[in-house]
PDB file of N, CA and C in Angstrom:
ATOM      1  N   MET A   1       0.734  -1.282   0.037  1.00  0.00           N
ATOM      2  CA  MET A   1       0.155  -0.083   0.095  1.00  0.00           C
ATOM      3  C   MET A   1       0.959   1.258  -0.091  1.00  0.00           C
ATOM      4  N   GLY A   2       0.754   2.020  -0.993  1.00  0.00           N
ATOM      5  CA  GLY A   2       1.386   3.334  -1.213  1.00  0.00           C
ATOM      6  C   GLY A   2       1.240   3.853  -2.417  1.00  0.00           C
ATOM      7  N   LYS A   3       2.508   4.609  -2.942  1.00  0.00           N
ATOM      8  CA  LYS A   3       1.983   5.321  -4.175  1.00  0.00           C
ATOM      9  C   LYS A   3       1.455   4.656  -5.282  1.00  0.00           C
ATOM     10  N   GLY A   4       1.674   3.447  -5.526  1.00  0.00           N
ATOM     11  CA  GLY A   4       1.155   2.809  -6.597  1.00  0.00           C
ATOM     12  C   GLY A   4      -0.252   1.884  -6.508  1.00  0.00           C
ATOM     13  N   ASP A   5      -0.688   1.949  -5.182  1.00  0.00           N
ATOM     14  CA  ASP A   5      -2.060   1.666  -4.699  1.00  0.00           C
ATOM     15  C   ASP A   5      -2.918   2.602  -5.050  1.00  0.00           C
ATOM     16  N   LYS A   6      -3.859   2.021  -6.224  1.00  0.00           N
ATOM     17  CA  LYS A   6      -5.006   2.911  -6.542  1.00  0.00           C
ATOM     18  C   LYS A   6      -6.111   3.035  -5.701  1.00  0.00           C
ATOM     19  N   LYS A   7      -6.219   2.104  -4.668  1.00  0.00           N
ATOM     20  CA  LYS A   7      -7.314   2.411  -3.692  1.00  0.00           C
ATOM     21  C   LYS A   7      -7.092   3.144  -2.553  1.00  0.00           C
ATOM     22  N   THR A   8      -5.876   3.677  -2.512  1.00  0.00           N
ATOM     23  CA  THR A   8      -5.717   4.705  -1.308  1.00  0.00           C
ATOM     24  C   THR A   8      -5.555   5.954  -1.524  1.00  0.00           C
ATOM     25  N   ARG A   9      -5.704   6.780  -0.686  1.00  0.00           N
ATOM     26  CA  ARG A   9      -5.666   8.122  -0.830  1.00  0.00           C
ATOM     27  C   ARG A   9      -4.321   8.960  -1.729  1.00  0.00           C
ATOM     28  N   ARG A  10      -3.332   8.324  -1.224  1.00  0.00           N
ATOM     29  CA  ARG A  10      -2.139   8.649  -1.629  1.00  0.00           C
ATOM     30  C   ARG A  10      -1.904   8.102  -3.193  1.00  0.00           C
ATOM     31  N   GLY A  11      -2.239   7.014  -3.527  1.00  0.00           N
ATOM     32  CA  GLY A  11      -2.109   6.404  -4.620  1.00  0.00           C
ATOM     33  C   GLY A  11      -3.067   7.207  -5.573  1.00  0.00           C
ATOM     34  N   LYS A  12      -4.263   7.587  -5.281  1.00  0.00           N
ATOM     35  CA  LYS A  12      -5.010   8.444  -6.025  1.00  0.00           C
ATOM     36  C   LYS A  12      -4.565   9.626  -6.434  1.00  0.00           C
ATOM     37  N   MET A  13      -3.844  10.178  -5.261  1.00  0.00           N
ATOM     38  CA  MET A  13      -3.070  11.926  -5.638  1.00  0.00           C
ATOM     39  C   MET A  13      -2.181  11.479  -6.828  1.00  0.00           C
ATOM     40  N   ILE A  14      -1.303  10.496  -6.747  1.00  0.00           N
ATOM     41  CA  ILE A  14      -0.374  10.172  -7.544  1.00  0.00           C
ATOM     42  C   ILE A  14      -0.792   9.772  -8.886  1.00  0.00           C
ATOM     43  N   MET A  15      -1.872   9.090  -9.011  1.00  0.00           N
ATOM     44  CA  MET A  15      -2.486   8.779 -10.421  1.00  0.00           C
ATOM     45  C   MET A  15      -3.343  10.023 -10.868  1.00  0.00           C
ATOM     46  N   GLY A  16      -3.626  11.012 -10.086  1.00  0.00           N
ATOM     47  CA  GLY A  16      -4.395  11.900 -10.360  1.00  0.00           C
ATOM     48  C   GLY A  16      -5.837  11.480 -10.808  1.00  0.00           C
ATOM     49  N   SER A  17      -6.423  10.743  -9.923  1.00  0.00           N
ATOM     50  CA  SER A  17      -7.670  10.243 -10.142  1.00  0.00           C
ATOM     51  C   SER A  17      -8.579  10.518  -8.582  1.00  0.00           C
ATOM     52  N   TYR A  18      -9.890  10.416  -8.894  1.00  0.00           N
ATOM     53  CA  TYR A  18     -10.825  10.597  -7.460  1.00  0.00           C
ATOM     54  C   TYR A  18     -11.655   9.473  -7.395  1.00  0.00           C
ATOM     55  N   GLY A  19     -12.234   9.274  -6.288  1.00  0.00           N
ATOM     56  CA  GLY A  19     -13.085   8.521  -6.065  1.00  0.00           C
ATOM     57  C   GLY A  19     -13.759   8.734  -4.466  1.00  0.00           C
ATOM     58  N   LYS A  20     -14.072   7.648  -3.890  1.00  0.00           N
ATOM     59  CA  LYS A  20     -14.816   7.616  -2.450  1.00  0.00           C
ATOM     60  C   LYS A  20     -13.698   7.961  -1.739  1.00  0.00           C
ATOM     61  N   VAL A  21     -12.373   7.666  -1.766  1.00  0.00           N
ATOM     62  CA  VAL A  21     -11.569   7.999  -0.768  1.00  0.00           C
ATOM     63  C   VAL A  21     -10.912   9.279  -0.900  1.00  0.00           C
ATOM     64  N   ARG A  22     -10.915   9.872  -2.183  1.00  0.00           N
ATOM     65  CA  ARG A  22     -10.446  11.112  -2.324  1.00  0.00           C
ATOM     66  C   ARG A  22     -11.688  12.037  -3.244  1.00  0.00           C
ATOM     67  N   PRO A  23     -12.533  12.537  -2.627  1.00  0.00           N
ATOM     68  CA  PRO A  23     -13.656  13.155  -3.533  1.00  0.00           C
ATOM     69  C   PRO A  23     -13.201  14.445  -4.088  1.00  0.00           C
ATOM     70  N   GLN A  24     -13.885  14.904  -5.155  1.00  0.00           N
ATOM     71  CA  GLN A  24     -13.496  16.208  -5.771  1.00  0.00           C
ATOM     72  C   GLN A  24     -14.223  17.171  -4.971  1.00  0.00           C
ATOM     73  N   LYS A  25     -13.819  18.559  -4.987  1.00  0.00           N
ATOM     74  CA  LYS A  25     -14.361  19.354  -4.263  1.00  0.00           C
ATOM     75  C   LYS A  25     -15.630  19.809  -5.137  1.00  0.00           C
ATOM     76  N   LYS A  26     -16.658  19.942  -4.306  1.00  0.00           N
ATOM     77  CA  LYS A  26     -17.926  20.428  -5.129  1.00  0.00           C
ATOM     78  C   LYS A  26     -18.075  21.996  -5.335  1.00  0.00           C
ATOM     79  N   ALA A  27     -18.478  22.431  -6.471  1.00  0.00           N
ATOM     80  CA  ALA A  27     -18.557  23.894  -6.604  1.00  0.00           C
ATOM     81  C   ALA A  27     -19.567  24.412  -5.693  1.00  0.00           C
ATOM     82  N   LYS A  28     -19.124  25.593  -5.035  1.00  0.00           N
ATOM     83  CA  LYS A  28     -20.187  26.091  -3.905  1.00  0.00           C
ATOM     84  C   LYS A  28     -21.149  26.754  -4.873  1.00  0.00           C
ATOM     85  N   ASN A  29     -22.469  26.835  -4.197  1.00  0.00           N
ATOM     86  CA  ASN A  29     -23.671  27.420  -4.808  1.00  0.00           C
ATOM     87  C   ASN A  29     -23.375  29.095  -5.205  1.00  0.00           C
ATOM     88  N   ILE A  30     -23.611  29.339  -6.382  1.00  0.00           N
ATOM     89  CA  ILE A  30     -23.540  30.655  -6.721  1.00  0.00           C
ATOM     90  C   ILE A  30     -24.936  31.259  -6.768  1.00  0.00           C
ATOM     91  N   ALA A  31     -25.007  32.443  -6.213  1.00  0.00           N
ATOM     92  CA  ALA A  31     -26.127  33.127  -6.283  1.00  0.00           C
ATOM     93  C   ALA A  31     -26.409  33.438  -7.759  1.00  0.00           C
ATOM     94  N   LYS A  32     -27.761  33.153  -8.242  1.00  0.00           N
ATOM     95  CA  LYS A  32     -28.152  33.280  -9.561  1.00  0.00           C
ATOM     96  C   LYS A  32     -28.913  34.858  -9.444  1.00  0.00           C
ATOM     97  N   PRO A  33     -28.737  35.550 -10.240  1.00  0.00           N
ATOM     98  CA  PRO A  33     -29.663  36.898 -10.224  1.00  0.00           C
ATOM     99  C   PRO A  33     -30.988  36.443 -10.541  1.00  0.00           C
ATOM    100  N   LYS A  34     -31.998  37.004  -9.980  1.00  0.00           N
ATOM    101  CA  LYS A  34     -33.256  36.399 -10.174  1.00  0.00           C
ATOM    102  C   LYS A  34     -33.705  37.364 -11.270  1.00  0.00           C
ATOM    103  N   ALA A  35     -34.601  36.575 -12.391  1.00  0.00           N
ATOM    104  CA  ALA A  35     -35.110  37.375 -13.543  1.00  0.00           C
ATOM    105  C   ALA A  35     -36.235  38.239 -13.010  1.00  0.00           C
ATOM    106  N   LYS A  36     -36.218  39.600 -13.422  1.00  0.00           N
ATOM    107  CA  LYS A  36     -37.163  40.575 -13.046  1.00  0.00           C
ATOM    108  C   LYS A  36     -38.318  40.405 -13.820  1.00  0.00           C
ATOM    109  N   ALA A  37     -39.536  40.269 -13.091  1.00  0.00           N
ATOM    110  CA  ALA A  37     -40.827  40.036 -13.846  1.00  0.00           C
ATOM    111  C   ALA A  37     -41.245  41.477 -14.642  1.00  0.00           C
ATOM    112  N   GLU A  38     -41.302  41.319 -15.837  1.00  0.00           N
ATOM    113  CA  GLU A  38     -41.727  42.402 -16.627  1.00  0.00           C
ATOM    114  C   GLU A  38     -43.498  42.803 -16.435  1.00  0.00           C
ATOM    115  N   LYS A  39     -43.577  44.181 -16.200  1.00  0.00           N
ATOM    116  CA  LYS A  39     -45.023  44.439 -16.201  1.00  0.00           C
ATOM    117  C   LYS A  39     -45.664  44.643 -17.373  1.00  0.00           C
ATOM    118  N   LYS A  40     -46.611  44.236 -17.750  1.00  0.00           N
ATOM    119  CA  LYS A  40     -47.286  44.533 -19.139  1.00  0.00           C
ATOM    120  C   LYS A  40     -48.255  45.532 -18.720  1.00  0.00           C
ATOM    121  N   ALA A  41     -48.353  46.750 -19.820  1.00  0.00           N
ATOM    122  CA  ALA A  41     -48.823  47.740 -19.702  1.00  0.00           C
ATOM    123  C   ALA A  41     -50.424  47.556 -20.016  1.00  0.00           C
TER     124      ALA A  41
END
């Protein structure tokens, strides 16, 4: 178990892969501007 082991966190970091042991960071919720309701004349 070490750098060559795909199942460990260190192995995944070396390989550059992600999974259960090394999850990717989720994008934070970005506040979307609300669509303004247009009034009909």
